Amino acid sequence: MARPAPTLQQRKTFALIRILGGLVAGCYLGYVVLVNLAAGAAFEGQLLFTALVAVAGFGYAVWYLRELSAVAREERARQGRR
């Protein structure tokens, strides 16, 4: 049985939560990398992996920013029809 499609408000809320989650993760992990580099740690191994995960967090936020933009376009299109 097919589930109903999420409403625009639900899609907007989910996108905002994912954007904030990606930004928080990216900022926190980026901070961890910078603090460790400032303390003299070598940029290799776990620190390199942490930096890559931070970049992935920012990429996740950007991806869902596109989703939020699509929702906004759909909202404008629906308001234009009224």
N, C-alpha and C. Protein backbone atom coordinates (compact mmCIF):
# COMPACT_ATOMS: atom_id res chain seq x y z
N MET A 1 0.84 -1.17 0.00
CA MET A 1 0.00 0.00 0.00
C MET A 1 0.90 1.25 0.00
N ALA A 2 0.59 2.19 -0.85
CA ALA A 2 1.40 3.40 -0.99
C ALA A 2 1.11 4.38 0.15
N ARG A 3 2.18 5.00 0.63
CA ARG A 3 2.02 6.02 1.65
C ARG A 3 1.74 7.36 0.98
N PRO A 4 1.00 8.22 1.65
CA PRO A 4 0.75 9.54 1.06
C PRO A 4 2.05 10.36 1.03
N ALA A 5 2.15 11.21 0.03
CA ALA A 5 3.33 12.06 -0.09
C ALA A 5 3.34 13.09 1.05
N PRO A 6 4.53 13.44 1.55
CA PRO A 6 4.58 14.45 2.61
C PRO A 6 4.12 15.81 2.09
N THR A 7 3.53 16.58 2.97
CA THR A 7 3.09 17.93 2.60
C THR A 7 4.29 18.84 2.43
N LEU A 8 4.05 20.00 1.85
CA LEU A 8 5.14 20.97 1.69
C LEU A 8 5.69 21.40 3.05
N GLN A 9 4.81 21.57 4.04
CA GLN A 9 5.27 21.96 5.37
C GLN A 9 6.15 20.88 5.99
N GLN A 10 5.78 19.63 5.80
CA GLN A 10 6.60 18.53 6.32
C GLN A 10 7.94 18.47 5.62
N ARG A 11 7.94 18.63 4.31
CA ARG A 11 9.20 18.63 3.56
C ARG A 11 10.10 19.77 3.98
N LYS A 12 9.50 20.94 4.23
CA LYS A 12 10.27 22.10 4.67
C LYS A 12 10.89 21.84 6.05
N THR A 13 10.10 21.28 6.95
CA THR A 13 10.59 20.99 8.30
C THR A 13 11.72 19.96 8.26
N PHE A 14 11.54 18.88 7.51
CA PHE A 14 12.58 17.86 7.41
C PHE A 14 13.87 18.44 6.81
N ALA A 15 13.74 19.26 5.79
CA ALA A 15 14.92 19.87 5.17
C ALA A 15 15.64 20.78 6.16
N LEU A 16 14.88 21.60 6.90
CA LEU A 16 15.51 22.49 7.87
C LEU A 16 16.24 21.72 8.96
N ILE A 17 15.65 20.63 9.44
CA ILE A 17 16.29 19.81 10.46
C ILE A 17 17.59 19.23 9.93
N ARG A 18 17.55 18.74 8.70
CA ARG A 18 18.76 18.15 8.12
C ARG A 18 19.83 19.20 7.84
N ILE A 19 19.42 20.38 7.42
CA ILE A 19 20.38 21.47 7.19
C ILE A 19 21.07 21.84 8.50
N LEU A 20 20.27 22.04 9.54
CA LEU A 20 20.85 22.39 10.84
C LEU A 20 21.75 21.28 11.37
N GLY A 21 21.34 20.04 11.21
CA GLY A 21 22.16 18.92 11.66
C GLY A 21 23.49 18.86 10.93
N GLY A 22 23.48 19.05 9.62
CA GLY A 22 24.71 19.05 8.85
C GLY A 22 25.63 20.20 9.22
N LEU A 23 25.04 21.38 9.45
CA LEU A 23 25.85 22.53 9.84
C LEU A 23 26.46 22.36 11.22
N VAL A 24 25.68 21.85 12.16
CA VAL A 24 26.20 21.63 13.51
C VAL A 24 27.33 20.60 13.48
N ALA A 25 27.10 19.50 12.79
CA ALA A 25 28.13 18.46 12.70
C ALA A 25 29.39 19.00 12.03
N GLY A 26 29.22 19.70 10.91
CA GLY A 26 30.37 20.25 10.20
C GLY A 26 31.14 21.26 11.03
N CYS A 27 30.42 22.15 11.70
CA CYS A 27 31.09 23.17 12.53
C CYS A 27 31.82 22.53 13.71
N TYR A 28 31.16 21.60 14.38
CA TYR A 28 31.79 20.97 15.54
C TYR A 28 33.03 20.19 15.13
N LEU A 29 32.91 19.38 14.09
CA LEU A 29 34.06 18.58 13.66
C LEU A 29 35.16 19.46 13.09
N GLY A 30 34.79 20.53 12.40
CA GLY A 30 35.79 21.48 11.92
C GLY A 30 36.53 22.13 13.07
N TYR A 31 35.80 22.46 14.13
CA TYR A 31 36.42 23.03 15.33
C TYR A 31 37.40 22.02 15.95
N VAL A 32 36.99 20.77 16.02
CA VAL A 32 37.87 19.73 16.57
C VAL A 32 39.15 19.63 15.75
N VAL A 33 39.03 19.66 14.45
CA VAL A 33 40.21 19.58 13.58
C VAL A 33 41.12 20.79 13.81
N LEU A 34 40.53 21.99 13.83
CA LEU A 34 41.35 23.19 14.01
C LEU A 34 42.05 23.22 15.36
N VAL A 35 41.36 22.81 16.41
CA VAL A 35 41.97 22.80 17.74
C VAL A 35 43.12 21.80 17.78
N ASN A 36 42.93 20.64 17.19
CA ASN A 36 44.00 19.65 17.18
C ASN A 36 45.19 20.10 16.34
N LEU A 37 44.92 20.76 15.22
CA LEU A 37 46.02 21.28 14.40
C LEU A 37 46.77 22.38 15.15
N ALA A 38 46.03 23.23 15.87
CA ALA A 38 46.67 24.29 16.65
C ALA A 38 47.51 23.71 17.78
N ALA A 39 47.13 22.54 18.28
CA ALA A 39 47.88 21.90 19.36
C ALA A 39 49.09 21.14 18.83
N GLY A 40 49.24 21.10 17.51
CA GLY A 40 50.42 20.48 16.93
C GLY A 40 50.23 19.06 16.42
N ALA A 41 49.01 18.59 16.35
CA ALA A 41 48.75 17.24 15.85
C ALA A 41 49.00 17.20 14.34
N ALA A 42 49.46 16.07 13.88
CA ALA A 42 49.70 15.89 12.44
C ALA A 42 48.36 15.68 11.73
N PHE A 43 48.27 16.23 10.53
CA PHE A 43 47.03 16.12 9.75
C PHE A 43 47.06 14.82 8.97
N GLU A 44 46.80 13.73 9.70
CA GLU A 44 46.80 12.39 9.10
C GLU A 44 45.93 11.48 9.94
N GLY A 45 45.63 10.33 9.41
CA GLY A 45 44.88 9.32 10.16
C GLY A 45 43.50 9.79 10.59
N GLN A 46 43.25 9.72 11.90
CA GLN A 46 41.93 10.05 12.44
C GLN A 46 41.58 11.52 12.24
N LEU A 47 42.57 12.39 12.31
CA LEU A 47 42.29 13.82 12.13
C LEU A 47 41.88 14.11 10.68
N LEU A 48 42.51 13.45 9.76
CA LEU A 48 42.15 13.61 8.35
C LEU A 48 40.73 13.08 8.11
N PHE A 49 40.43 11.93 8.70
CA PHE A 49 39.08 11.37 8.58
C PHE A 49 38.04 12.31 9.19
N THR A 50 38.36 12.90 10.34
CA THR A 50 37.45 13.85 10.98
C THR A 50 37.20 15.05 10.08
N ALA A 51 38.24 15.54 9.43
CA ALA A 51 38.09 16.67 8.50
C ALA A 51 37.20 16.28 7.32
N LEU A 52 37.36 15.07 6.82
CA LEU A 52 36.52 14.62 5.71
C LEU A 52 35.06 14.48 6.13
N VAL A 53 34.82 14.02 7.33
CA VAL A 53 33.45 13.92 7.82
C VAL A 53 32.85 15.31 8.02
N ALA A 54 33.66 16.27 8.46
CA ALA A 54 33.18 17.65 8.59
C ALA A 54 32.76 18.20 7.24
N VAL A 55 33.56 17.95 6.22
CA VAL A 55 33.21 18.39 4.87
C VAL A 55 31.94 17.70 4.39
N ALA A 56 31.81 16.42 4.72
CA ALA A 56 30.59 15.69 4.36
C ALA A 56 29.37 16.29 5.06
N GLY A 57 29.52 16.73 6.31
CA GLY A 57 28.42 17.37 7.02
C GLY A 57 27.97 18.65 6.33
N PHE A 58 28.94 19.45 5.89
CA PHE A 58 28.59 20.67 5.16
C PHE A 58 27.94 20.33 3.81
N GLY A 59 28.44 19.29 3.16
CA GLY A 59 27.83 18.85 1.90
C GLY A 59 26.40 18.38 2.09
N TYR A 60 26.15 17.70 3.18
CA TYR A 60 24.80 17.23 3.53
C TYR A 60 23.87 18.43 3.70
N ALA A 61 24.36 19.46 4.39
CA ALA A 61 23.54 20.67 4.59
C ALA A 61 23.25 21.35 3.26
N VAL A 62 24.25 21.43 2.39
CA VAL A 62 24.05 22.07 1.08
C VAL A 62 23.06 21.27 0.25
N TRP A 63 23.15 19.95 0.29
CA TRP A 63 22.22 19.10 -0.47
C TRP A 63 20.78 19.38 -0.06
N TYR A 64 20.53 19.45 1.24
CA TYR A 64 19.17 19.69 1.70
C TYR A 64 18.76 21.15 1.57
N LEU A 65 19.72 22.04 1.40
CA LEU A 65 19.39 23.43 1.08
C LEU A 65 18.75 23.48 -0.31
N ARG A 66 19.22 22.62 -1.19
CA ARG A 66 18.60 22.52 -2.52
C ARG A 66 17.16 22.03 -2.40
N GLU A 67 16.92 21.06 -1.52
CA GLU A 67 15.56 20.56 -1.29
C GLU A 67 14.67 21.67 -0.76
N LEU A 68 15.19 22.45 0.18
CA LEU A 68 14.42 23.55 0.74
C LEU A 68 14.09 24.59 -0.34
N SER A 69 15.03 24.82 -1.23
CA SER A 69 14.80 25.75 -2.33
C SER A 69 13.69 25.22 -3.26
N ALA A 70 13.70 23.91 -3.51
CA ALA A 70 12.66 23.32 -4.35
C ALA A 70 11.28 23.45 -3.70
N VAL A 71 11.22 23.27 -2.39
CA VAL A 71 9.95 23.43 -1.67
C VAL A 71 9.47 24.86 -1.77
N ALA A 72 10.38 25.82 -1.65
CA ALA A 72 10.01 27.23 -1.74
C ALA A 72 9.46 27.55 -3.14
N ARG A 73 10.08 26.98 -4.18
CA ARG A 73 9.57 27.20 -5.55
C ARG A 73 8.17 26.62 -5.70
N GLU A 74 7.96 25.44 -5.13
CA GLU A 74 6.62 24.83 -5.21
C GLU A 74 5.59 25.66 -4.47
N GLU A 75 5.97 26.20 -3.32
CA GLU A 75 5.04 27.06 -2.56
C GLU A 75 4.67 28.30 -3.36
N ARG A 76 5.68 28.92 -3.98
CA ARG A 76 5.41 30.11 -4.79
C ARG A 76 4.52 29.77 -5.97
N ALA A 77 4.75 28.62 -6.58
CA ALA A 77 3.93 28.22 -7.73
C ALA A 77 2.48 27.99 -7.29
N ARG A 78 2.28 27.38 -6.14
CA ARG A 78 0.91 27.14 -5.66
C ARG A 78 0.23 28.44 -5.28
N GLN A 79 0.97 29.38 -4.72
CA GLN A 79 0.36 30.67 -4.35
C GLN A 79 0.03 31.48 -5.60
N GLY A 80 0.81 31.30 -6.65
CA GLY A 80 0.54 32.01 -7.90
C GLY A 80 -0.73 31.53 -8.60
N ARG A 81 -1.10 30.28 -8.36
CA ARG A 81 -2.33 29.72 -8.97
C ARG A 81 -3.59 30.19 -8.29
N ARG A 82 -3.47 30.64 -7.07
CA ARG A 82 -4.69 31.05 -6.32
C ARG A 82 -5.20 32.38 -6.76
